C-alpha atoms as a PDB file:
ATOM      1  CA  MET A   1      -2.513 -56.261  96.252  1.00  0.00           C
ATOM      2  CA  PHE A   2      -2.866 -57.093  92.596  1.00  0.00           C
ATOM      3  CA  SER A   3      -2.083 -60.493  91.323  1.00  0.00           C
ATOM      4  CA  ASN A   4       0.204 -60.933  88.369  1.00  0.00           C
ATOM      5  CA  GLY A   5      -2.814 -61.839  86.233  1.00  0.00           C
ATOM      6  CA  ASN A   6      -4.683 -58.679  87.115  1.00  0.00           C
ATOM      7  CA  LEU A   7      -1.552 -56.637  86.477  1.00  0.00           C
ATOM      8  CA  ASP A   8      -1.126 -58.139  83.013  1.00  0.00           C
ATOM      9  CA  MET A   9      -4.786 -57.430  82.220  1.00  0.00           C
ATOM     10  CA  GLY A  10      -4.347 -53.823  83.286  1.00  0.00           C
ATOM     11  CA  LYS A  11      -1.281 -53.420  81.088  1.00  0.00           C
ATOM     12  CA  THR A  12      -3.117 -54.920  78.128  1.00  0.00           C
ATOM     13  CA  ALA A  13      -6.083 -52.588  78.607  1.00  0.00           C
ATOM     14  CA  MET A  14      -3.758 -49.608  78.838  1.00  0.00           C
ATOM     15  CA  ARG A  15      -1.929 -50.637  75.654  1.00  0.00           C
ATOM     16  CA  ARG A  16      -5.248 -50.961  73.859  1.00  0.00           C
ATOM     17  CA  ALA A  17      -6.331 -47.538  75.054  1.00  0.00           C
ATOM     18  CA  VAL A  18      -3.060 -45.950  73.933  1.00  0.00           C
ATOM     19  CA  PHE A  19      -3.236 -47.723  70.568  1.00  0.00           C
ATOM     20  CA  GLY A  20      -6.807 -46.563  70.082  1.00  0.00           C
ATOM     21  CA  LEU A  21      -5.868 -43.011  70.951  1.00  0.00           C
ATOM     22  CA  LEU A  22      -2.935 -43.067  68.517  1.00  0.00           C
ATOM     23  CA  THR A  23      -5.189 -44.493  65.816  1.00  0.00           C
ATOM     24  CA  ILE A  24      -7.622 -41.632  66.315  1.00  0.00           C
ATOM     25  CA  ILE A  25      -4.797 -39.095  66.213  1.00  0.00           C
ATOM     26  CA  PHE A  26      -3.221 -40.516  63.035  1.00  0.00           C
ATOM     27  CA  THR A  27      -6.574 -40.924  61.362  1.00  0.00           C
ATOM     28  CA  PHE A  28      -7.468 -37.313  62.139  1.00  0.00           C
ATOM     29  CA  ALA A  29      -4.064 -36.174  60.874  1.00  0.00           C
ATOM     30  CA  GLY A  30      -4.521 -38.168  57.666  1.00  0.00           C
ATOM     31  CA  VAL A  31      -7.991 -36.793  57.127  1.00  0.00           C
ATOM     32  CA  THR A  32      -6.719 -33.269  57.809  1.00  0.00           C
ATOM     33  CA  GLN A  33      -3.781 -33.744  55.439  1.00  0.00           C
ATOM     34  CA  HIS A  34      -6.041 -35.193  52.762  1.00  0.00           C
ATOM     35  CA  ALA A  35      -8.478 -32.321  53.223  1.00  0.00           C
ATOM     36  CA  SER A  36      -5.641 -29.783  53.014  1.00  0.00           C
ATOM     37  CA  ALA A  37      -4.295 -31.378  49.843  1.00  0.00           C
ATOM     38  CA  ALA A  38      -7.777 -31.447  48.321  1.00  0.00           C
ATOM     39  CA  ALA A  39      -8.296 -27.813  49.273  1.00  0.00           C
ATOM     40  CA  ALA A  40      -4.934 -26.920  47.726  1.00  0.00           C
ATOM     41  CA  ARG A  41      -5.834 -28.762  44.537  1.00  0.00           C
ATOM     42  CA  LYS A  42      -9.170 -27.002  44.434  1.00  0.00           C
ATOM     43  CA  GLU A  43      -7.516 -23.629  45.053  1.00  0.00           C
ATOM     44  CA  GLN A  44      -4.969 -24.369  42.318  1.00  0.00           C
ATOM     45  CA  LYS A  45      -7.739 -25.391  39.939  1.00  0.00           C
ATOM     46  CA  THR A  46      -9.834 -22.310  40.608  1.00  0.00           C
ATOM     47  CA  ALA A  47      -6.966 -19.769  40.783  1.00  0.00           C
ATOM     48  CA  ALA A  48      -7.096 -17.199  38.000  1.00  0.00           C
ATOM     49  CA  PRO A  49      -4.533 -17.766  35.228  1.00  0.00           C
ATOM     50  CA  ALA A  50      -1.580 -15.393  35.320  1.00  0.00           C
ATOM     51  CA  ALA A  51       1.143 -14.363  32.871  1.00  0.00           C
ATOM     52  CA  ALA A  52       3.855 -11.735  32.331  1.00  0.00           C
ATOM     53  CA  PHE A  53       4.268  -9.940  28.992  1.00  0.00           C
ATOM     54  CA  THR A  54       7.555  -8.356  27.891  1.00  0.00           C
ATOM     55  CA  ALA A  55       8.577  -6.340  24.814  1.00  0.00           C
ATOM     56  CA  THR A  56      12.229  -5.548  24.135  1.00  0.00           C
ATOM     57  CA  PRO A  57      13.618  -3.780  21.050  1.00  0.00           C
ATOM     58  CA  VAL A  58      16.374  -5.757  19.323  1.00  0.00           C
ATOM     59  CA  LYS A  59      18.420  -2.554  19.323  1.00  0.00           C
ATOM     60  CA  SER A  60      17.850   0.928  20.669  1.00  0.00           C
ATOM     61  CA  SER A  61      18.463   2.892  17.459  1.00  0.00           C
ATOM     62  CA  TYR A  62      17.123   2.418  13.933  1.00  0.00           C
ATOM     63  CA  SER A  63      17.498   4.411  10.729  1.00  0.00           C
ATOM     64  CA  GLU A  64      14.350   5.924   9.240  1.00  0.00           C
ATOM     65  CA  GLY A  65      12.447   3.307   7.218  1.00  0.00           C
ATOM     66  CA  GLU A  66      14.316   0.381   8.786  1.00  0.00           C
ATOM     67  CA  ALA A  67      12.331  -2.521  10.209  1.00  0.00           C
ATOM     68  CA  ILE A  68      11.947  -1.980  13.962  1.00  0.00           C
ATOM     69  CA  LEU A  69      12.308  -5.438  15.457  1.00  0.00           C
ATOM     70  CA  LEU A  70      11.034  -6.402  18.908  1.00  0.00           C
ATOM     71  CA  LEU A  71      11.414  -9.531  20.994  1.00  0.00           C
ATOM     72  CA  LEU A  72       8.048 -10.307  22.569  1.00  0.00           C
ATOM     73  CA  GLY A  73       7.625 -12.812  25.373  1.00  0.00           C
ATOM     74  CA  LEU A  74       4.705 -14.241  27.329  1.00  0.00           C
ATOM     75  CA  LYS A  75       5.520 -16.281  30.449  1.00  0.00           C
ATOM     76  CA  ASN A  76       3.001 -18.381  32.342  1.00  0.00           C
ATOM     77  CA  THR A  77       3.421 -17.272  35.965  1.00  0.00           C
ATOM     78  CA  GLY A  78       0.328 -19.072  37.228  1.00  0.00           C
ATOM     79  CA  GLN A  79      -0.454 -22.651  38.189  1.00  0.00           C
ATOM     80  CA  GLN A  80      -2.587 -23.667  35.219  1.00  0.00           C
ATOM     81  CA  THR A  81      -1.784 -24.291  31.568  1.00  0.00           C
ATOM     82  CA  ILE A  82      -2.928 -21.284  29.552  1.00  0.00           C
ATOM     83  CA  ILE A  83      -3.942 -20.638  25.955  1.00  0.00           C
ATOM     84  CA  ALA A  84      -1.813 -17.981  24.252  1.00  0.00           C
ATOM     85  CA  ASP A  85      -1.363 -16.393  20.837  1.00  0.00           C
ATOM     86  CA  ALA A  86       2.113 -17.506  19.732  1.00  0.00           C
ATOM     87  CA  GLY A  87       1.852 -15.254  16.688  1.00  0.00           C
ATOM     88  CA  PHE A  88       1.527 -12.114  18.825  1.00  0.00           C
ATOM     89  CA  ALA A  89      -0.785 -10.651  16.169  1.00  0.00           C
ATOM     90  CA  LEU A  90      -0.320  -6.888  16.052  1.00  0.00           C
ATOM     91  CA  GLY A  91      -3.568  -4.979  16.042  1.00  0.00           C
ATOM     92  CA  SER A  92      -5.575  -7.800  17.574  1.00  0.00           C
ATOM     93  CA  THR A  93      -3.792  -9.706  20.352  1.00  0.00           C
ATOM     94  CA  VAL A  94      -1.039  -7.115  20.771  1.00  0.00           C
ATOM     95  CA  GLN A  95      -2.217  -3.514  20.993  1.00  0.00           C
ATOM     96  CA  VAL A  96       0.240  -0.731  20.172  1.00  0.00           C
ATOM     97  CA  SER A  97       0.434   2.904  21.242  1.00  0.00           C
ATOM     98  CA  VAL A  98       3.222   5.200  20.041  1.00  0.00           C
ATOM     99  CA  THR A  99       4.157   8.725  21.051  1.00  0.00           C
ATOM    100  CA  GLY A 100       6.476  10.558  18.679  1.00  0.00           C
ATOM    101  CA  PRO A 101       8.981  13.386  19.069  1.00  0.00           C
ATOM    102  CA  GLY A 102       7.581  16.281  21.095  1.00  0.00           C
ATOM    103  CA  GLY A 103       4.928  14.069  22.686  1.00  0.00           C
ATOM    104  CA  LYS A 104       2.910  13.837  19.455  1.00  0.00           C
ATOM    105  CA  ALA A 105       0.529  10.860  19.379  1.00  0.00           C
ATOM    106  CA  ILE A 106       0.993   8.682  16.293  1.00  0.00           C
ATOM    107  CA  ASP A 107      -2.105   7.567  14.404  1.00  0.00           C
ATOM    108  CA  TRP A 108      -1.319   3.873  14.483  1.00  0.00           C
ATOM    109  CA  ALA A 109      -4.663   2.420  13.384  1.00  0.00           C
ATOM    110  CA  ALA A 110      -4.119   3.110   9.669  1.00  0.00           C
ATOM    111  CA  SER A 111      -0.466   2.242   9.741  1.00  0.00           C
ATOM    112  CA  PHE A 112      -0.162  -1.512   9.617  1.00  0.00           C
ATOM    113  CA  GLU A 113      -1.921  -4.716   8.759  1.00  0.00           C
ATOM    114  CA  ALA A 114      -2.961  -6.963  11.632  1.00  0.00           C
ATOM    115  CA  GLY A 115      -1.869 -10.573  11.527  1.00  0.00           C
ATOM    116  CA  ALA A 116      -3.903 -13.662  12.404  1.00  0.00           C
ATOM    117  CA  PRO A 117      -3.585 -15.213  15.892  1.00  0.00           C
ATOM    118  CA  ARG A 118      -1.915 -18.624  16.290  1.00  0.00           C
ATOM    119  CA  PHE A 119      -3.080 -20.235  19.505  1.00  0.00           C
ATOM    120  CA  GLN A 120      -1.121 -22.782  21.537  1.00  0.00           C
ATOM    121  CA  THR A 121      -0.806 -23.871  25.164  1.00  0.00           C
ATOM    122  CA  VAL A 122       1.850 -22.708  27.636  1.00  0.00           C
ATOM    123  CA  ARG A 123       2.548 -24.745  30.768  1.00  0.00           C
ATOM    124  CA  PRO A 124       3.207 -23.126  34.172  1.00  0.00           C
ATOM    125  CA  GLY A 125       6.704 -21.644  34.277  1.00  0.00           C
ATOM    126  CA  ASN A 126       7.169 -21.862  30.491  1.00  0.00           C
ATOM    127  CA  GLN A 127       7.449 -18.980  28.039  1.00  0.00           C
ATOM    128  CA  ILE A 128       6.792 -18.307  24.352  1.00  0.00           C
ATOM    129  CA  THR A 129       8.773 -15.716  22.413  1.00  0.00           C
ATOM    130  CA  ARG A 130       8.822 -14.240  18.935  1.00  0.00           C
ATOM    131  CA  VAL A 131      10.723 -11.543  17.061  1.00  0.00           C
ATOM    132  CA  ILE A 132       8.218  -9.293  15.302  1.00  0.00           C
ATOM    133  CA  CYS A 133       8.459  -6.279  13.024  1.00  0.00           C
ATOM    134  CA  LEU A 134       6.731  -3.267  14.508  1.00  0.00           C
ATOM    135  CA  ASN A 135       6.442  -1.241  11.306  1.00  0.00           C
ATOM    136  CA  CYS A 136       6.140  -3.833   8.516  1.00  0.00           C
ATOM    137  CA  GLY A 137       3.088  -4.459   6.385  1.00  0.00           C
ATOM    138  CA  SER A 138       0.758  -2.392   4.245  1.00  0.00           C
ATOM    139  CA  ARG A 139       0.215   1.169   5.371  1.00  0.00           C
ATOM    140  CA  ASP A 140      -0.835   4.584   4.173  1.00  0.00           C
ATOM    141  CA  PRO A 141       2.409   6.273   3.056  1.00  0.00           C
ATOM    142  CA  PHE A 142       1.125   9.661   4.179  1.00  0.00           C
ATOM    143  CA  ALA A 143       0.124   8.574   7.695  1.00  0.00           C
ATOM    144  CA  TYR A 144       2.718   6.211   9.106  1.00  0.00           C
ATOM    145  CA  PRO A 145       4.732   5.821  12.313  1.00  0.00           C
ATOM    146  CA  PHE A 146       8.419   6.637  12.757  1.00  0.00           C
ATOM    147  CA  ALA A 147       8.263   9.071   9.826  1.00  0.00           C
ATOM    148  CA  GLU A 148      10.969  11.394  11.083  1.00  0.00           C
ATOM    149  CA  PRO A 149      14.140  11.198  13.145  1.00  0.00           C
ATOM    150  CA  GLY A 150      13.691  11.526  16.886  1.00  0.00           C
ATOM    151  CA  THR A 151      12.819   9.551  20.004  1.00  0.00           C
ATOM    152  CA  TYR A 152       9.594   7.540  20.155  1.00  0.00           C
ATOM    153  CA  THR A 153       7.938   5.979  23.190  1.00  0.00           C
ATOM    154  CA  VAL A 154       6.217   2.661  22.576  1.00  0.00           C
ATOM    155  CA  HIS A 155       3.562   1.000  24.738  1.00  0.00           C
ATOM    156  CA  LEU A 156       2.435  -2.567  24.048  1.00  0.00           C
ATOM    157  CA  ALA A 157      -0.270  -4.613  25.746  1.00  0.00           C
ATOM    158  CA  TYR A 158      -1.190  -8.266  25.326  1.00  0.00           C
ATOM    159  CA  GLU A 159      -4.973  -8.546  25.031  1.00  0.00           C
ATOM    160  CA  PRO A 160      -6.348 -12.104  25.172  1.00  0.00           C
ATOM    161  CA  SER A 161      -8.134 -12.846  21.907  1.00  0.00           C
ATOM    162  CA  GLY A 162     -11.648 -14.228  21.963  1.00  0.00           C
ATOM    163  CA  LEU A 163     -11.639 -17.926  21.141  1.00  0.00           C
ATOM    164  CA  THR A 164     -14.322 -19.465  18.982  1.00  0.00           C
ATOM    165  CA  PRO A 165     -16.078 -22.545  20.442  1.00  0.00           C
ATOM    166  CA  ALA A 166     -14.127 -24.745  18.018  1.00  0.00           C
ATOM    167  CA  GLU A 167     -10.803 -23.185  19.036  1.00  0.00           C
ATOM    168  CA  ARG A 168     -11.687 -23.471  22.711  1.00  0.00           C
ATOM    169  CA  ALA A 169     -12.538 -27.154  22.273  1.00  0.00           C
ATOM    170  CA  SER A 170      -9.054 -27.754  20.882  1.00  0.00           C
ATOM    171  CA  PHE A 171      -7.531 -27.010  24.300  1.00  0.00           C
ATOM    172  CA  PRO A 172      -9.687 -28.891  26.848  1.00  0.00           C
ATOM    173  CA  GLN A 173      -6.997 -28.957  29.554  1.00  0.00           C
ATOM    174  CA  ALA A 174      -6.054 -25.253  29.337  1.00  0.00           C
ATOM    175  CA  VAL A 175      -7.632 -21.975  30.362  1.00  0.00           C
ATOM    176  CA  ALA A 176      -7.717 -18.598  28.634  1.00  0.00           C
ATOM    177  CA  LEU A 177      -6.254 -15.459  30.152  1.00  0.00           C
ATOM    178  CA  GLU A 178      -8.947 -13.189  31.517  1.00  0.00           C
ATOM    179  CA  HIS A 179      -7.277  -9.769  31.513  1.00  0.00           C
ATOM    180  CA  GLY A 180      -4.888  -7.725  29.392  1.00  0.00           C
ATOM    181  CA  ILE A 181      -1.208  -7.464  30.354  1.00  0.00           C
ATOM    182  CA  GLU A 182       0.882  -4.365  29.733  1.00  0.00           C
ATOM    183  CA  ALA A 183       4.593  -4.532  28.949  1.00  0.00           C
ATOM    184  CA  ALA A 184       6.965  -1.906  30.278  1.00  0.00           C
ATOM    185  CA  ALA A 185       7.152   1.080  27.928  1.00  0.00           C
ATOM    186  CA  PHE A 186      10.416   1.597  26.043  1.00  0.00           C
ATOM    187  CA  GLU A 187      12.017   4.182  23.776  1.00  0.00           C
ATOM    188  CA  VAL A 188      13.194   3.813  20.187  1.00  0.00           C
ATOM    189  CA  ARG A 189      15.535   6.337  18.593  1.00  0.00           C
ATOM    190  CA  VAL A 190      15.144   6.901  14.853  1.00  0.00           C
ATOM    191  CA  THR A 191      18.053   8.415  12.934  1.00  0.00           C
ATOM    192  CA  ALA A 192      18.358   9.779   9.395  1.00  0.00           C
ATOM    193  CA  PRO A 193      17.647   7.156   6.710  1.00  0.00           C
ATOM    194  CA  LEU A 194      20.448   4.998   5.300  1.00  0.00           C
ATOM    195  CA  VAL A 195      18.345   4.285   2.211  1.00  0.00           C
ATOM    196  CA  LEU A 196      17.472   7.276   0.038  1.00  0.00           C
ATOM    197  CA  PHE A 197      14.621   7.380  -2.470  1.00  0.00           C
ATOM    198  CA  THR A 198      14.190   9.860  -5.304  1.00  0.00           C
ATOM    199  CA  ALA A 199      11.479  10.296  -7.937  1.00  0.00           C
ATOM    200  CA  ARG A 200      12.124  12.745 -10.788  1.00  0.00           C
ATOM    201  CA  PRO A 201      10.273  13.487 -14.023  1.00  0.00           C
ATOM    202  CA  ALA A 202      12.192  12.442 -17.139  1.00  0.00           C
ATOM    203  CA  GLN A 203      11.726  15.996 -18.410  1.00  0.00           C
ATOM    204  CA  ALA A 204      10.469  19.259 -16.986  1.00  0.00           C
ATOM    205  CA  VAL A 205       7.704  19.799 -19.579  1.00  0.00           C
ATOM    206  CA  PHE A 206       5.252  17.332 -21.106  1.00  0.00           C
ATOM    207  CA  HIS A 207       2.344  17.838 -23.503  1.00  0.00           C
ATOM    208  CA  VAL A 208      -1.251  16.691 -23.101  1.00  0.00           C
ATOM    209  CA  GLY A 209      -1.514  13.131 -24.386  1.00  0.00           C
ATOM    210  CA  ASP A 210       2.168  12.312 -23.834  1.00  0.00           C
ATOM    211  CA  PRO A 211       3.131   9.645 -21.290  1.00  0.00           C
ATOM    212  CA  VAL A 212       4.523  11.297 -18.172  1.00  0.00           C
ATOM    213  CA  THR A 213       7.637   9.251 -17.448  1.00  0.00           C
ATOM    214  CA  PHE A 214       9.408   9.289 -14.089  1.00  0.00           C
ATOM    215  CA  ASN A 215      12.816   8.003 -13.037  1.00  0.00           C
ATOM    216  CA  PHE A 216      12.966   6.289  -9.648  1.00  0.00           C
ATOM    217  CA  ARG A 217      16.108   5.518  -7.661  1.00  0.00           C
ATOM    218  CA  LEU A 218      16.667   3.693  -4.358  1.00  0.00           C
ATOM    219  CA  GLN A 219      20.180   4.119  -2.968  1.00  0.00           C
ATOM    220  CA  ASN A 220      21.810   2.244  -0.099  1.00  0.00           C
ATOM    221  CA  THR A 221      24.179   4.643   1.670  1.00  0.00           C
ATOM    222  CA  GLY A 222      24.852   2.272   4.564  1.00  0.00           C
ATOM    223  CA  SER A 223      27.523  -0.379   5.139  1.00  0.00           C
ATOM    224  CA  GLN A 224      25.193  -3.403   4.992  1.00  0.00           C
ATOM    225  CA  SER A 225      23.138  -4.952   2.187  1.00  0.00           C
ATOM    226  CA  VAL A 226      19.445  -3.998   2.150  1.00  0.00           C
ATOM    227  CA  LEU A 227      16.383  -6.065   1.233  1.00  0.00           C
ATOM    228  CA  ALA A 228      14.409  -4.237  -1.482  1.00  0.00           C
ATOM    229  CA  ALA A 229      11.947  -4.528  -4.360  1.00  0.00           C
ATOM    230  CA  TYR A 230      14.361  -4.826  -7.242  1.00  0.00           C
ATOM    231  CA  ASP A 231      12.179  -3.295  -9.992  1.00  0.00           C
ATOM    232  CA  LEU A 232      10.481  -0.540  -7.898  1.00  0.00           C
ATOM    233  CA  PRO A 233       7.005  -1.219  -9.332  1.00  0.00           C
ATOM    234  CA  LEU A 234       4.215   1.333  -9.061  1.00  0.00           C
ATOM    235  CA  GLU A 235       1.751   0.298  -6.321  1.00  0.00           C
ATOM    236  CA  GLY A 236       3.912  -2.717  -5.433  1.00  0.00           C
ATOM    237  CA  ALA A 237       6.724  -0.630  -3.922  1.00  0.00           C
ATOM    238  CA  VAL A 238       6.186   2.948  -5.072  1.00  0.00           C
ATOM    239  CA  ARG A 239       3.238   5.056  -3.963  1.00  0.00           C
ATOM    240  CA  LEU A 240       2.434   8.413  -5.477  1.00  0.00           C
ATOM    241  CA  ARG A 241       0.261  11.356  -4.584  1.00  0.00           C
ATOM    242  CA  VAL A 242      -0.298  13.750  -7.486  1.00  0.00           C
ATOM    243  CA  THR A 243      -1.910  17.183  -7.083  1.00  0.00           C
ATOM    244  CA  ASP A 244      -2.616  19.976  -9.558  1.00  0.00           C
ATOM    245  CA  ALA A 245      -1.773  23.675  -9.168  1.00  0.00           C
ATOM    246  CA  ALA A 246      -4.914  24.208  -7.060  1.00  0.00           C
ATOM    247  CA  GLY A 247      -3.943  21.400  -4.671  1.00  0.00           C
ATOM    248  CA  LYS A 248      -6.638  19.036  -5.943  1.00  0.00           C
ATOM    249  CA  GLN A 249      -5.573  15.405  -5.884  1.00  0.00           C
ATOM    250  CA  VAL A 250      -5.426  13.635  -9.256  1.00  0.00           C
ATOM    251  CA  GLN A 251      -7.120  10.241  -9.096  1.00  0.00           C
ATOM    252  CA  PRO A 252      -5.603   7.114 -10.636  1.00  0.00           C
ATOM    253  CA  ALA A 253      -7.346   5.331 -13.511  1.00  0.00           C
ATOM    254  CA  GLY A 254      -6.951   1.970 -15.185  1.00  0.00           C
ATOM    255  CA  GLN A 255      -6.474  -1.605 -14.071  1.00  0.00           C
ATOM    256  CA  PRO A 256      -4.673  -2.040 -10.723  1.00  0.00           C
ATOM    257  CA  GLN A 257      -1.200  -3.506 -11.021  1.00  0.00           C
ATOM    258  CA  SER A 258      -1.652  -6.434  -8.652  1.00  0.00           C
ATOM    259  CA  GLY A 259       0.876  -8.758  -7.077  1.00  0.00           C
ATOM    260  CA  GLN A 260       3.737  -8.400  -4.635  1.00  0.00           C
ATOM    261  CA  PRO A 261       7.105  -7.190  -5.941  1.00  0.00           C
ATOM    262  CA  LEU A 262      10.037  -9.550  -6.252  1.00  0.00           C
ATOM    263  CA  LEU A 263      12.561  -9.029  -3.479  1.00  0.00           C
ATOM    264  CA  SER A 264      16.283  -8.660  -3.962  1.00  0.00           C
ATOM    265  CA  THR A 265      19.193  -6.995  -2.179  1.00  0.00           C
ATOM    266  CA  ILE A 266      21.047  -3.727  -2.687  1.00  0.00           C
ATOM    267  CA  ASP A 267      24.721  -3.951  -1.800  1.00  0.00           C
ATOM    268  CA  ALA A 268      26.263  -1.289   0.406  1.00  0.00           C
ATOM    269  CA  GLY A 269      26.910   1.858  -1.618  1.00  0.00           C
ATOM    270  CA  SER A 270      24.832   0.637  -4.573  1.00  0.00           C
ATOM    271  CA  ALA A 271      21.423   1.589  -5.981  1.00  0.00           C
ATOM    272  CA  ILE A 272      18.566   0.255  -8.082  1.00  0.00           C
ATOM    273  CA  GLU A 273      16.746   2.337 -10.687  1.00  0.00           C
ATOM    274  CA  ALA A 274      13.554   2.109 -12.734  1.00  0.00           C
ATOM    275  CA  SER A 275      11.774   4.316 -15.298  1.00  0.00           C
ATOM    276  CA  TYR A 276       8.136   4.122 -16.368  1.00  0.00           C
ATOM    277  CA  PRO A 277       5.106   6.342 -17.068  1.00  0.00           C
ATOM    278  CA  ILE A 278       2.967   7.361 -14.126  1.00  0.00           C
ATOM    279  CA  THR A 279       0.035   7.991 -16.505  1.00  0.00           C
ATOM    280  CA  PRO A 280      -2.187   5.079 -17.648  1.00  0.00           C
ATOM    281  CA  LEU A 281      -0.291   2.667 -19.902  1.00  0.00           C
ATOM    282  CA  ASN A 282      -1.829   0.585 -22.682  1.00  0.00           C
ATOM    283  CA  LEU A 283      -0.187  -2.824 -22.455  1.00  0.00           C
ATOM    284  CA  TYR A 284      -1.490  -5.172 -25.151  1.00  0.00           C
ATOM    285  CA  GLY A 285      -4.983  -3.748 -24.866  1.00  0.00           C
ATOM    286  CA  THR A 286      -5.027  -3.590 -21.070  1.00  0.00           C
ATOM    287  CA  ILE A 287      -4.943  -0.127 -19.541  1.00  0.00           C
ATOM    288  CA  LEU A 288      -2.664  -0.332 -16.514  1.00  0.00           C
ATOM    289  CA  ARG A 289      -3.305   2.013 -13.623  1.00  0.00           C
ATOM    290  CA  GLY A 290      -1.788   5.462 -13.734  1.00  0.00           C
ATOM    291  CA  PHE A 291      -2.722   9.071 -12.979  1.00  0.00           C
ATOM    292  CA  ASP A 292      -5.175  10.598 -15.425  1.00  0.00           C
ATOM    293  CA  ILE A 293      -3.352  13.815 -16.268  1.00  0.00           C
ATOM    294  CA  ARG A 294      -5.277  15.426 -19.128  1.00  0.00           C
ATOM    295  CA  GLU A 295      -5.287  19.115 -18.336  1.00  0.00           C
ATOM    296  CA  PRO A 296      -2.454  21.612 -18.899  1.00  0.00           C
ATOM    297  CA  GLY A 297      -0.871  23.009 -15.756  1.00  0.00           C
ATOM    298  CA  THR A 298       1.747  22.419 -13.090  1.00  0.00           C
ATOM    299  CA  TYR A 299       1.596  19.230 -11.060  1.00  0.00           C
ATOM    300  CA  THR A 300       3.293  18.154  -7.829  1.00  0.00           C
ATOM    301  CA  VAL A 301       4.279  14.568  -7.140  1.00  0.00           C
ATOM    302  CA  GLU A 302       4.918  13.200  -3.625  1.00  0.00           C
ATOM    303  CA  ALA A 303       6.442   9.743  -3.830  1.00  0.00           C
ATOM    304  CA  SER A 304       7.352   7.177  -1.219  1.00  0.00           C
ATOM    305  CA  TYR A 305       9.049   3.800  -1.310  1.00  0.00           C
ATOM    306  CA  ASP A 306       7.232   1.143   0.684  1.00  0.00           C
ATOM    307  CA  LEU A 307       7.583  -2.628   0.390  1.00  0.00           C
ATOM    308  CA  GLN A 308       3.927  -2.975   1.422  1.00  0.00           C
ATOM    309  CA  GLN A 309       4.489  -6.643   2.180  1.00  0.00           C
ATOM    310  CA  PRO A 310       2.315  -8.452   4.715  1.00  0.00           C
ATOM    311  CA  ILE A 311       3.903  -8.554   8.147  1.00  0.00           C
ATOM    312  CA  ASP A 312       4.491 -12.306   8.082  1.00  0.00           C
ATOM    313  CA  VAL A 313       6.309 -12.117   4.724  1.00  0.00           C
ATOM    314  CA  LEU A 314       8.878  -9.581   5.922  1.00  0.00           C
ATOM    315  CA  GLN A 315       9.238 -11.264   9.305  1.00  0.00           C
ATOM    316  CA  GLY A 316      10.150 -14.432   7.432  1.00  0.00           C
ATOM    317  CA  TYR A 317      13.456 -12.787   6.533  1.00  0.00           C
ATOM    318  CA  VAL A 318      14.334 -11.936  10.139  1.00  0.00           C
ATOM    319  CA  GLY A 319      17.493 -13.831  11.045  1.00  0.00           C
ATOM    320  CA  VAL A 320      17.527 -15.691   7.703  1.00  0.00           C
ATOM    321  CA  LEU A 321      19.473 -13.320   5.446  1.00  0.00           C
ATOM    322  CA  PRO A 322      22.396 -11.146   6.591  1.00  0.00           C
ATOM    323  CA  VAL A 323      20.673  -8.037   5.287  1.00  0.00           C
ATOM    324  CA  LEU A 324      19.055  -4.935   6.690  1.00  0.00           C
ATOM    325  CA  ILE A 325      15.271  -5.006   6.336  1.00  0.00           C
ATOM    326  CA  VAL A 326      13.980  -1.604   5.273  1.00  0.00           C
ATOM    327  CA  PRO A 327      10.236  -1.855   4.610  1.00  0.00           C
ATOM    328  CA  GLY A 328       9.904   1.921   4.499  1.00  0.00           C
ATOM    329  CA  PRO A 329       8.096   4.124   3.952  1.00  0.00           C
ATOM    330  CA  ILE A 330      10.881   6.366   2.687  1.00  0.00           C
ATOM    331  CA  ALA A 331       9.658   9.655   1.267  1.00  0.00           C
ATOM    332  CA  ALA A 332      11.239  11.265  -1.757  1.00  0.00           C
ATOM    333  CA  PRO A 333      11.505  15.064  -1.983  1.00  0.00           C
ATOM    334  CA  PRO A 334       8.389  16.475  -3.736  1.00  0.00           C
ATOM    335  CA  VAL A 335       8.920  17.425  -7.382  1.00  0.00           C
ATOM    336  CA  LYS A 336       6.973  19.415  -9.977  1.00  0.00           C
ATOM    337  CA  PHE A 337       6.462  19.122 -13.707  1.00  0.00           C
ATOM    338  CA  THR A 338       4.436  21.071 -16.265  1.00  0.00           C
ATOM    339  CA  VAL A 339       1.939  19.867 -18.849  1.00  0.00           C
ATOM    340  CA  GLU A 340       1.392  22.132 -21.840  1.00  0.00           C
ATOM    341  CA  PRO A 341      -1.390  21.983 -24.452  1.00  0.00           C
ATOM    342  CA  ALA A 342      -0.848  19.528 -27.254  1.00  0.00           C
ATOM    343  CA  THR A 343       0.514  21.088 -30.403  1.00  0.00           C
ATOM    344  CA  ALA A 344       1.339  19.738 -33.843  1.00  0.00           C
ATOM    345  CA  ALA A 345       4.984  20.599 -33.233  1.00  0.00           C
ATOM    346  CA  ALA A 346       4.980  18.661 -30.010  1.00  0.00           C
ATOM    347  CA  HIS A 347       4.133  15.428 -31.814  1.00  0.00           C
ATOM    348  CA  ASN A 348       6.385  15.904 -34.861  1.00  0.00           C
END
């Protein structure tokens, strides 16, 4: 038989053994939990950055020449803060592909001016958005997108821009996206233009040496005011292509007319007009640019209205003024005029 003392000693030893076993169990569990948390942190730290890119047209139908506005969004769907281009620079960060009516591929490369990227950080779960103009900016008026009514299919992809070492150093706690992200393709319907542009010679026949004067008119046939270049300046808002009877293009001569046109509005149902020579003009000893038409013959003029403003300038008006933004280009019907040899009677 055990004495009470021996029994107490046995109970104490058992309690110590149980306590030791529990200590081992809890210590192992703590170590395991700590290791799991560390592994999770490591996995989170090393996981590739992820994001979703969306592009949504502000409306589904636009008139020809109207600014096609898109809402772009980039959401951080990963676990790390990322570096993103908040400017969504078209042509660099955002790549564009357009298919026109009948499945015709649109030559987009020569059609707009790329903007500069504006980098910032985006935390996990957060999103950056911007309304951009798809067809604003300088472009070749004879090779531009959305040039005719019909349905266009647009594909956009967000391509991470390469950061310079200095730019990368500005975001020490963020990571750059590693791969491009495509947005879902969408369709844009283009209808007949609400703004009409005409270019007509002041007379049907000119003589060699005479200034060839043209009358230009931009008419708003819609129900909303339109943002426009109020004086329709040559090169600033009006582009011309002049060819002779053989189809040879006449080259411009003289000093370029630099500077951006002043912007104004055309009320619904109203128009703006301008008249000036399209041949070189001597202005206080400075020969302003014009088309060097010196030979007799018949000439054809193809004119287009095009604001030719940088993308960021036109986008600055988005949501600011209650007007329709129509950057163009809007083509005028081709017209012809004749140049006859100079005669004494012609100058009397």
